[in-house]
Amino acid sequence: MIHAKVHVTLKPDVMDPQGLAVKNALESLDYKTVSRVSIGKYFLVDFDSSDREAVEADLEKMCKQLLSNPVIENYRYQLEDGTQ
């Protein structure tokens, strides 16, 4: 079994209204040193396979086709072996 942890975030030049709202809320709570907040998505995907190369190829396709919007989002992932 292989576990994948996928992080999807907006590209730095894309406006993030949710991130701005959180930043403003933090400032209103007197956290004045926060300069930026970015909101993203986090996916945990388990694969019933031990073929890391095939899993990584599938995961790349998943990220590009469904889990992210490559026009405005970046993604990164981490693969882990085991049964966590």
PDB file of N, CA and C in Angstrom:
ATOM      1  N   MET A   1       0.847  -1.181   0.000  1.00  0.00           N
ATOM      2  CA  MET A   1       0.000   0.000   0.000  1.00  0.00           C
ATOM      3  C   MET A   1       0.890   1.242   0.000  1.00  0.00           C
ATOM      4  N   ILE A   2       0.475   2.234  -0.751  1.00  0.00           N
ATOM      5  CA  ILE A   2       1.177   3.517  -0.790  1.00  0.00           C
ATOM      6  C   ILE A   2       0.183   4.613  -0.437  1.00  0.00           C
ATOM      7  N   HIS A   3       0.605   5.497   0.440  1.00  0.00           N
ATOM      8  CA  HIS A   3      -0.201   6.653   0.837  1.00  0.00           C
ATOM      9  C   HIS A   3       0.352   7.890   0.134  1.00  0.00           C
ATOM     10  N   ALA A   4      -0.537   8.731  -0.338  1.00  0.00           N
ATOM     11  CA  ALA A   4      -0.135  10.001  -0.938  1.00  0.00           C
ATOM     12  C   ALA A   4      -0.767  11.143  -0.152  1.00  0.00           C
ATOM     13  N   LYS A   5       0.043  12.146   0.140  1.00  0.00           N
ATOM     14  CA  LYS A   5      -0.435  13.386   0.750  1.00  0.00           C
ATOM     15  C   LYS A   5      -0.271  14.468  -0.303  1.00  0.00           C
ATOM     16  N   VAL A   6      -1.389  15.058  -0.716  1.00  0.00           N
ATOM     17  CA  VAL A   6      -1.389  16.029  -1.799  1.00  0.00           C
ATOM     18  C   VAL A   6      -1.795  17.396  -1.251  1.00  0.00           C
ATOM     19  N   HIS A   7      -0.974  18.402  -1.517  1.00  0.00           N
ATOM     20  CA  HIS A   7      -1.254  19.787  -1.119  1.00  0.00           C
ATOM     21  C   HIS A   7      -1.490  20.605  -2.386  1.00  0.00           C
ATOM     22  N   VAL A   8      -2.598  21.324  -2.428  1.00  0.00           N
ATOM     23  CA  VAL A   8      -2.932  22.170  -3.572  1.00  0.00           C
ATOM     24  C   VAL A   8      -3.115  23.595  -3.058  1.00  0.00           C
ATOM     25  N   THR A   9      -2.392  24.531  -3.658  1.00  0.00           N
ATOM     26  CA  THR A   9      -2.505  25.935  -3.261  1.00  0.00           C
ATOM     27  C   THR A   9      -2.601  26.810  -4.504  1.00  0.00           C
ATOM     28  N   LEU A  10      -3.153  27.992  -4.313  1.00  0.00           N
ATOM     29  CA  LEU A  10      -3.211  28.947  -5.416  1.00  0.00           C
ATOM     30  C   LEU A  10      -1.806  29.416  -5.772  1.00  0.00           C
ATOM     31  N   LYS A  11      -1.599  29.691  -7.044  1.00  0.00           N
ATOM     32  CA  LYS A  11      -0.321  30.250  -7.467  1.00  0.00           C
ATOM     33  C   LYS A  11      -0.176  31.634  -6.830  1.00  0.00           C
ATOM     34  N   PRO A  12       1.056  32.058  -6.560  1.00  0.00           N
ATOM     35  CA  PRO A  12       1.274  33.310  -5.825  1.00  0.00           C
ATOM     36  C   PRO A  12       0.633  34.550  -6.459  1.00  0.00           C
ATOM     37  N   ASP A  13       0.498  34.591  -7.775  1.00  0.00           N
ATOM     38  CA  ASP A  13      -0.059  35.782  -8.424  1.00  0.00           C
ATOM     39  C   ASP A  13      -1.580  35.735  -8.581  1.00  0.00           C
ATOM     40  N   VAL A  14      -2.231  34.694  -8.050  1.00  0.00           N
ATOM     41  CA  VAL A  14      -3.691  34.566  -8.134  1.00  0.00           C
ATOM     42  C   VAL A  14      -4.316  35.135  -6.863  1.00  0.00           C
ATOM     43  N   MET A  15      -5.331  35.984  -7.052  1.00  0.00           N
ATOM     44  CA  MET A  15      -6.001  36.587  -5.902  1.00  0.00           C
ATOM     45  C   MET A  15      -6.671  35.503  -5.046  1.00  0.00           C
ATOM     46  N   ASP A  16      -6.526  35.621  -3.739  1.00  0.00           N
ATOM     47  CA  ASP A  16      -7.061  34.638  -2.793  1.00  0.00           C
ATOM     48  C   ASP A  16      -7.979  35.347  -1.800  1.00  0.00           C
ATOM     49  N   PRO A  17      -9.268  35.537  -2.143  1.00  0.00           N
ATOM     50  CA  PRO A  17     -10.172  36.270  -1.253  1.00  0.00           C
ATOM     51  C   PRO A  17     -10.346  35.605   0.114  1.00  0.00           C
ATOM     52  N   GLN A  18     -10.348  34.257   0.160  1.00  0.00           N
ATOM     53  CA  GLN A  18     -10.481  33.571   1.449  1.00  0.00           C
ATOM     54  C   GLN A  18      -9.241  33.817   2.307  1.00  0.00           C
ATOM     55  N   GLY A  19      -8.078  33.736   1.690  1.00  0.00           N
ATOM     56  CA  GLY A  19      -6.840  34.000   2.417  1.00  0.00           C
ATOM     57  C   GLY A  19      -6.813  35.424   2.954  1.00  0.00           C
ATOM     58  N   LEU A  20      -7.264  36.375   2.147  1.00  0.00           N
ATOM     59  CA  LEU A  20      -7.307  37.772   2.581  1.00  0.00           C
ATOM     60  C   LEU A  20      -8.276  37.951   3.748  1.00  0.00           C
ATOM     61  N   ALA A  21      -9.417  37.277   3.703  1.00  0.00           N
ATOM     62  CA  ALA A  21     -10.388  37.365   4.801  1.00  0.00           C
ATOM     63  C   ALA A  21      -9.789  36.814   6.099  1.00  0.00           C
ATOM     64  N   VAL A  22      -9.068  35.697   6.007  1.00  0.00           N
ATOM     65  CA  VAL A  22      -8.436  35.123   7.195  1.00  0.00           C
ATOM     66  C   VAL A  22      -7.340  36.052   7.711  1.00  0.00           C
ATOM     67  N   LYS A  23      -6.551  36.609   6.792  1.00  0.00           N
ATOM     68  CA  LYS A  23      -5.498  37.553   7.195  1.00  0.00           C
ATOM     69  C   LYS A  23      -6.108  38.749   7.928  1.00  0.00           C
ATOM     70  N   ASN A  24      -7.185  39.299   7.388  1.00  0.00           N
ATOM     71  CA  ASN A  24      -7.845  40.442   8.032  1.00  0.00           C
ATOM     72  C   ASN A  24      -8.402  40.069   9.404  1.00  0.00           C
ATOM     73  N   ALA A  25      -8.966  38.870   9.514  1.00  0.00           N
ATOM     74  CA  ALA A  25      -9.485  38.410  10.803  1.00  0.00           C
ATOM     75  C   ALA A  25      -8.353  38.263  11.818  1.00  0.00           C
ATOM     76  N   LEU A  26      -7.222  37.723  11.380  1.00  0.00           N
ATOM     77  CA  LEU A  26      -6.066  37.592  12.276  1.00  0.00           C
ATOM     78  C   LEU A  26      -5.576  38.963  12.736  1.00  0.00           C
ATOM     79  N   GLU A  27      -5.541  39.914  11.812  1.00  0.00           N
ATOM     80  CA  GLU A  27      -5.126  41.279  12.179  1.00  0.00           C
ATOM     81  C   GLU A  27      -6.094  41.883  13.186  1.00  0.00           C
ATOM     82  N   SER A  28      -7.393  41.607  13.022  1.00  0.00           N
ATOM     83  CA  SER A  28      -8.378  42.146  13.967  1.00  0.00           C
ATOM     84  C   SER A  28      -8.229  41.505  15.348  1.00  0.00           C
ATOM     85  N   LEU A  29      -7.623  40.326  15.390  1.00  0.00           N
ATOM     86  CA  LEU A  29      -7.339  39.662  16.666  1.00  0.00           C
ATOM     87  C   LEU A  29      -5.965  40.050  17.206  1.00  0.00           C
ATOM     88  N   ASP A  30      -5.373  41.069  16.587  1.00  0.00           N
ATOM     89  CA  ASP A  30      -4.102  41.672  17.014  1.00  0.00           C
ATOM     90  C   ASP A  30      -2.857  40.874  16.616  1.00  0.00           C
ATOM     91  N   TYR A  31      -2.974  40.023  15.600  1.00  0.00           N
ATOM     92  CA  TYR A  31      -1.794  39.361  15.026  1.00  0.00           C
ATOM     93  C   TYR A  31      -1.304  40.244  13.878  1.00  0.00           C
ATOM     94  N   LYS A  32      -0.521  41.243  14.210  1.00  0.00           N
ATOM     95  CA  LYS A  32      -0.141  42.281  13.254  1.00  0.00           C
ATOM     96  C   LYS A  32       1.024  41.899  12.350  1.00  0.00           C
ATOM     97  N   THR A  33       1.730  40.822  12.655  1.00  0.00           N
ATOM     98  CA  THR A  33       2.898  40.472  11.848  1.00  0.00           C
ATOM     99  C   THR A  33       2.592  39.501  10.703  1.00  0.00           C
ATOM    100  N   VAL A  34       1.339  39.069  10.569  1.00  0.00           N
ATOM    101  CA  VAL A  34       0.971  38.173   9.471  1.00  0.00           C
ATOM    102  C   VAL A  34       0.943  38.985   8.180  1.00  0.00           C
ATOM    103  N   SER A  35       1.746  38.592   7.203  1.00  0.00           N
ATOM    104  CA  SER A  35       1.801  39.357   5.962  1.00  0.00           C
ATOM    105  C   SER A  35       0.995  38.716   4.829  1.00  0.00           C
ATOM    106  N   ARG A  36       0.719  37.415   4.934  1.00  0.00           N
ATOM    107  CA  ARG A  36      -0.041  36.750   3.877  1.00  0.00           C
ATOM    108  C   ARG A  36      -0.621  35.437   4.407  1.00  0.00           C
ATOM    109  N   VAL A  37      -1.831  35.127   3.963  1.00  0.00           N
ATOM    110  CA  VAL A  37      -2.453  33.836   4.254  1.00  0.00           C
ATOM    111  C   VAL A  37      -2.953  33.289   2.925  1.00  0.00           C
ATOM    112  N   SER A  38      -2.673  32.035   2.677  1.00  0.00           N
ATOM    113  CA  SER A  38      -3.139  31.378   1.459  1.00  0.00           C
ATOM    114  C   SER A  38      -3.950  30.152   1.854  1.00  0.00           C
ATOM    115  N   ILE A  39      -5.118  30.029   1.288  1.00  0.00           N
ATOM    116  CA  ILE A  39      -5.994  28.896   1.563  1.00  0.00           C
ATOM    117  C   ILE A  39      -5.757  27.833   0.482  1.00  0.00           C
ATOM    118  N   GLY A  40      -5.729  26.579   0.889  1.00  0.00           N
ATOM    119  CA  GLY A  40      -5.504  25.509  -0.066  1.00  0.00           C
ATOM    120  C   GLY A  40      -6.334  24.290   0.254  1.00  0.00           C
ATOM    121  N   LYS A  41      -6.006  23.196  -0.407  1.00  0.00           N
ATOM    122  CA  LYS A  41      -6.702  21.925  -0.216  1.00  0.00           C
ATOM    123  C   LYS A  41      -5.668  20.864   0.139  1.00  0.00           C
ATOM    124  N   TYR A  42      -6.107  19.866   0.884  1.00  0.00           N
ATOM    125  CA  TYR A  42      -5.235  18.778   1.300  1.00  0.00           C
ATOM    126  C   TYR A  42      -5.979  17.472   1.064  1.00  0.00           C
ATOM    127  N   PHE A  43      -5.357  16.538   0.346  1.00  0.00           N
ATOM    128  CA  PHE A  43      -5.966  15.250   0.043  1.00  0.00           C
ATOM    129  C   PHE A  43      -5.082  14.135   0.577  1.00  0.00           C
ATOM    130  N   LEU A  44      -5.711  13.100   1.123  1.00  0.00           N
ATOM    131  CA  LEU A  44      -5.033  11.857   1.470  1.00  0.00           C
ATOM    132  C   LEU A  44      -5.573  10.801   0.517  1.00  0.00           C
ATOM    133  N   VAL A  45      -4.680  10.175  -0.235  1.00  0.00           N
ATOM    134  CA  VAL A  45      -5.095   9.178  -1.215  1.00  0.00           C
ATOM    135  C   VAL A  45      -4.308   7.895  -0.957  1.00  0.00           C
ATOM    136  N   ASP A  46      -5.010   6.795  -0.758  1.00  0.00           N
ATOM    137  CA  ASP A  46      -4.357   5.502  -0.554  1.00  0.00           C
ATOM    138  C   ASP A  46      -4.449   4.683  -1.835  1.00  0.00           C
ATOM    139  N   PHE A  47      -3.359   4.005  -2.161  1.00  0.00           N
ATOM    140  CA  PHE A  47      -3.288   3.148  -3.343  1.00  0.00           C
ATOM    141  C   PHE A  47      -3.026   1.712  -2.912  1.00  0.00           C
ATOM    142  N   ASP A  48      -3.786   0.777  -3.441  1.00  0.00           N
ATOM    143  CA  ASP A  48      -3.544  -0.644  -3.204  1.00  0.00           C
ATOM    144  C   ASP A  48      -2.522  -1.131  -4.224  1.00  0.00           C
ATOM    145  N   SER A  49      -1.322  -0.657  -4.088  1.00  0.00           N
ATOM    146  CA  SER A  49      -0.238  -0.997  -5.003  1.00  0.00           C
ATOM    147  C   SER A  49       1.085  -0.760  -4.296  1.00  0.00           C
ATOM    148  N   SER A  50       2.107  -1.464  -4.713  1.00  0.00           N
ATOM    149  CA  SER A  50       3.445  -1.216  -4.190  1.00  0.00           C
ATOM    150  C   SER A  50       4.362  -0.685  -5.293  1.00  0.00           C
ATOM    151  N   ASP A  51       3.798  -0.437  -6.461  1.00  0.00           N
ATOM    152  CA  ASP A  51       4.557   0.067  -7.608  1.00  0.00           C
ATOM    153  C   ASP A  51       4.589   1.596  -7.569  1.00  0.00           C
ATOM    154  N   ARG A  52       5.634   2.137  -6.946  1.00  0.00           N
ATOM    155  CA  ARG A  52       5.731   3.586  -6.751  1.00  0.00           C
ATOM    156  C   ARG A  52       5.706   4.349  -8.069  1.00  0.00           C
ATOM    157  N   GLU A  53       6.350   3.817  -9.064  1.00  0.00           N
ATOM    158  CA  GLU A  53       6.403   4.503 -10.357  1.00  0.00           C
ATOM    159  C   GLU A  53       5.015   4.625 -10.978  1.00  0.00           C
ATOM    160  N   ALA A  54       4.241   3.551 -10.934  1.00  0.00           N
ATOM    161  CA  ALA A  54       2.877   3.576 -11.477  1.00  0.00           C
ATOM    162  C   ALA A  54       1.976   4.488 -10.646  1.00  0.00           C
ATOM    163  N   VAL A  55       2.120   4.425  -9.320  1.00  0.00           N
ATOM    164  CA  VAL A  55       1.330   5.281  -8.441  1.00  0.00           C
ATOM    165  C   VAL A  55       1.641   6.749  -8.718  1.00  0.00           C
ATOM    166  N   GLU A  56       2.910   7.071  -8.847  1.00  0.00           N
ATOM    167  CA  GLU A  56       3.281   8.468  -9.105  1.00  0.00           C
ATOM    168  C   GLU A  56       2.737   8.938 -10.451  1.00  0.00           C
ATOM    169  N   ALA A  57       2.767   8.083 -11.464  1.00  0.00           N
ATOM    170  CA  ALA A  57       2.213   8.451 -12.772  1.00  0.00           C
ATOM    171  C   ALA A  57       0.712   8.699 -12.662  1.00  0.00           C
ATOM    172  N   ASP A  58       0.016   7.814 -11.957  1.00  0.00           N
ATOM    173  CA  ASP A  58      -1.430   8.000 -11.765  1.00  0.00           C
ATOM    174  C   ASP A  58      -1.723   9.271 -10.966  1.00  0.00           C
ATOM    175  N   LEU A  59      -0.948   9.501  -9.934  1.00  0.00           N
ATOM    176  CA  LEU A  59      -1.179  10.664  -9.085  1.00  0.00           C
ATOM    177  C   LEU A  59      -0.954  11.965  -9.855  1.00  0.00           C
ATOM    178  N   GLU A  60       0.060  11.989 -10.699  1.00  0.00           N
ATOM    179  CA  GLU A  60       0.284  13.170 -11.546  1.00  0.00           C
ATOM    180  C   GLU A  60      -0.943  13.449 -12.404  1.00  0.00           C
ATOM    181  N   LYS A  61      -1.486  12.406 -13.016  1.00  0.00           N
ATOM    182  CA  LYS A  61      -2.688  12.570 -13.842  1.00  0.00           C
ATOM    183  C   LYS A  61      -3.864  13.059 -13.007  1.00  0.00           C
ATOM    184  N   MET A  62      -4.039  12.466 -11.820  1.00  0.00           N
ATOM    185  CA  MET A  62      -5.143  12.871 -10.938  1.00  0.00           C
ATOM    186  C   MET A  62      -5.048  14.349 -10.581  1.00  0.00           C
ATOM    187  N   CYS A  63      -3.846  14.770 -10.246  1.00  0.00           N
ATOM    188  CA  CYS A  63      -3.644  16.169  -9.852  1.00  0.00           C
ATOM    189  C   CYS A  63      -3.956  17.116 -11.001  1.00  0.00           C
ATOM    190  N   LYS A  64      -3.539  16.751 -12.191  1.00  0.00           N
ATOM    191  CA  LYS A  64      -3.753  17.620 -13.358  1.00  0.00           C
ATOM    192  C   LYS A  64      -5.193  17.593 -13.847  1.00  0.00           C
ATOM    193  N   GLN A  65      -5.878  16.455 -13.689  1.00  0.00           N
ATOM    194  CA  GLN A  65      -7.229  16.321 -14.236  1.00  0.00           C
ATOM    195  C   GLN A  65      -8.335  16.682 -13.261  1.00  0.00           C
ATOM    196  N   LEU A  66      -8.107  16.488 -11.951  1.00  0.00           N
ATOM    197  CA  LEU A  66      -9.216  16.659 -11.015  1.00  0.00           C
ATOM    198  C   LEU A  66      -8.850  17.379  -9.724  1.00  0.00           C
ATOM    199  N   LEU A  67      -7.753  17.013  -9.104  1.00  0.00           N
ATOM    200  CA  LEU A  67      -7.454  17.538  -7.770  1.00  0.00           C
ATOM    201  C   LEU A  67      -7.021  18.996  -7.781  1.00  0.00           C
ATOM    202  N   SER A  68      -6.504  19.471  -8.907  1.00  0.00           N
ATOM    203  CA  SER A  68      -6.097  20.876  -8.981  1.00  0.00           C
ATOM    204  C   SER A  68      -6.527  21.473 -10.309  1.00  0.00           C
ATOM    205  N   ASN A  69      -6.480  22.783 -10.371  1.00  0.00           N
ATOM    206  CA  ASN A  69      -6.664  23.513 -11.622  1.00  0.00           C
ATOM    207  C   ASN A  69      -5.293  24.066 -11.979  1.00  0.00           C
ATOM    208  N   PRO A  70      -4.551  23.407 -12.865  1.00  0.00           N
ATOM    209  CA  PRO A  70      -3.172  23.811 -13.152  1.00  0.00           C
ATOM    210  C   PRO A  70      -3.013  25.250 -13.656  1.00  0.00           C
ATOM    211  N   VAL A  71      -4.086  25.860 -14.119  1.00  0.00           N
ATOM    212  CA  VAL A  71      -3.999  27.242 -14.585  1.00  0.00           C
ATOM    213  C   VAL A  71      -3.769  28.192 -13.409  1.00  0.00           C
ATOM    214  N   ILE A  72      -4.425  27.927 -12.274  1.00  0.00           N
ATOM    215  CA  ILE A  72      -4.328  28.855 -11.143  1.00  0.00           C
ATOM    216  C   ILE A  72      -3.759  28.237  -9.873  1.00  0.00           C
ATOM    217  N   GLU A  73      -3.533  26.907  -9.882  1.00  0.00           N
ATOM    218  CA  GLU A  73      -3.071  26.239  -8.661  1.00  0.00           C
ATOM    219  C   GLU A  73      -1.781  25.463  -8.890  1.00  0.00           C
ATOM    220  N   ASN A  74      -0.996  25.391  -7.834  1.00  0.00           N
ATOM    221  CA  ASN A  74       0.172  24.522  -7.780  1.00  0.00           C
ATOM    222  C   ASN A  74      -0.178  23.324  -6.912  1.00  0.00           C
ATOM    223  N   TYR A  75       0.486  22.209  -7.151  1.00  0.00           N
ATOM    224  CA  TYR A  75       0.303  21.056  -6.277  1.00  0.00           C
ATOM    225  C   TYR A  75       1.658  20.422  -6.001  1.00  0.00           C
ATOM    226  N   ARG A  76       1.703  19.751  -4.882  1.00  0.00           N
ATOM    227  CA  ARG A  76       2.871  18.948  -4.532  1.00  0.00           C
ATOM    228  C   ARG A  76       2.350  17.755  -3.748  1.00  0.00           C
ATOM    229  N   TYR A  77       3.110  16.685  -3.770  1.00  0.00           N
ATOM    230  CA  TYR A  77       2.671  15.505  -3.049  1.00  0.00           C
ATOM    231  C   TYR A  77       3.864  14.771  -2.463  1.00  0.00           C
ATOM    232  N   GLN A  78       3.531  13.919  -1.520  1.00  0.00           N
ATOM    233  CA  GLN A  78       4.524  13.092  -0.830  1.00  0.00           C
ATOM    234  C   GLN A  78       3.967  11.674  -0.795  1.00  0.00           C
ATOM    235  N   LEU A  79       4.789  10.716  -1.186  1.00  0.00           N
ATOM    236  CA  LEU A  79       4.387   9.317  -1.154  1.00  0.00           C
ATOM    237  C   LEU A  79       5.024   8.627   0.037  1.00  0.00           C
ATOM    238  N   GLU A  80       4.242   7.776   0.700  1.00  0.00           N
ATOM    239  CA  GLU A  80       4.741   7.027   1.858  1.00  0.00           C
ATOM    240  C   GLU A  80       4.330   5.575   1.729  1.00  0.00           C
ATOM    241  N   ASP A  81       5.233   4.683   2.051  1.00  0.00           N
ATOM    242  CA  ASP A  81       4.924   3.256   2.077  1.00  0.00           C
ATOM    243  C   ASP A  81       4.325   2.896   3.416  1.00  0.00           C
ATOM    244  N   GLY A  82       3.510   1.850   3.436  1.00  0.00           N
ATOM    245  CA  GLY A  82       3.052   1.349   4.730  1.00  0.00           C
ATOM    246  C   GLY A  82       1.563   1.325   4.864  1.00  0.00           C
ATOM    247  N   THR A  83       1.143   0.977   6.074  1.00  0.00           N
ATOM    248  CA  THR A  83      -0.282   0.875   6.396  1.00  0.00           C
ATOM    249  C   THR A  83      -0.584   1.762   7.600  1.00  0.00           C
ATOM    250  N   GLN A  84      -0.562   3.055   7.372  1.00  0.00           N
ATOM    251  CA  GLN A  84      -0.809   4.005   8.457  1.00  0.00           C
ATOM    252  C   GLN A  84      -2.275   4.260   8.620  1.00  0.00           C
TER     253      GLN A  84
END
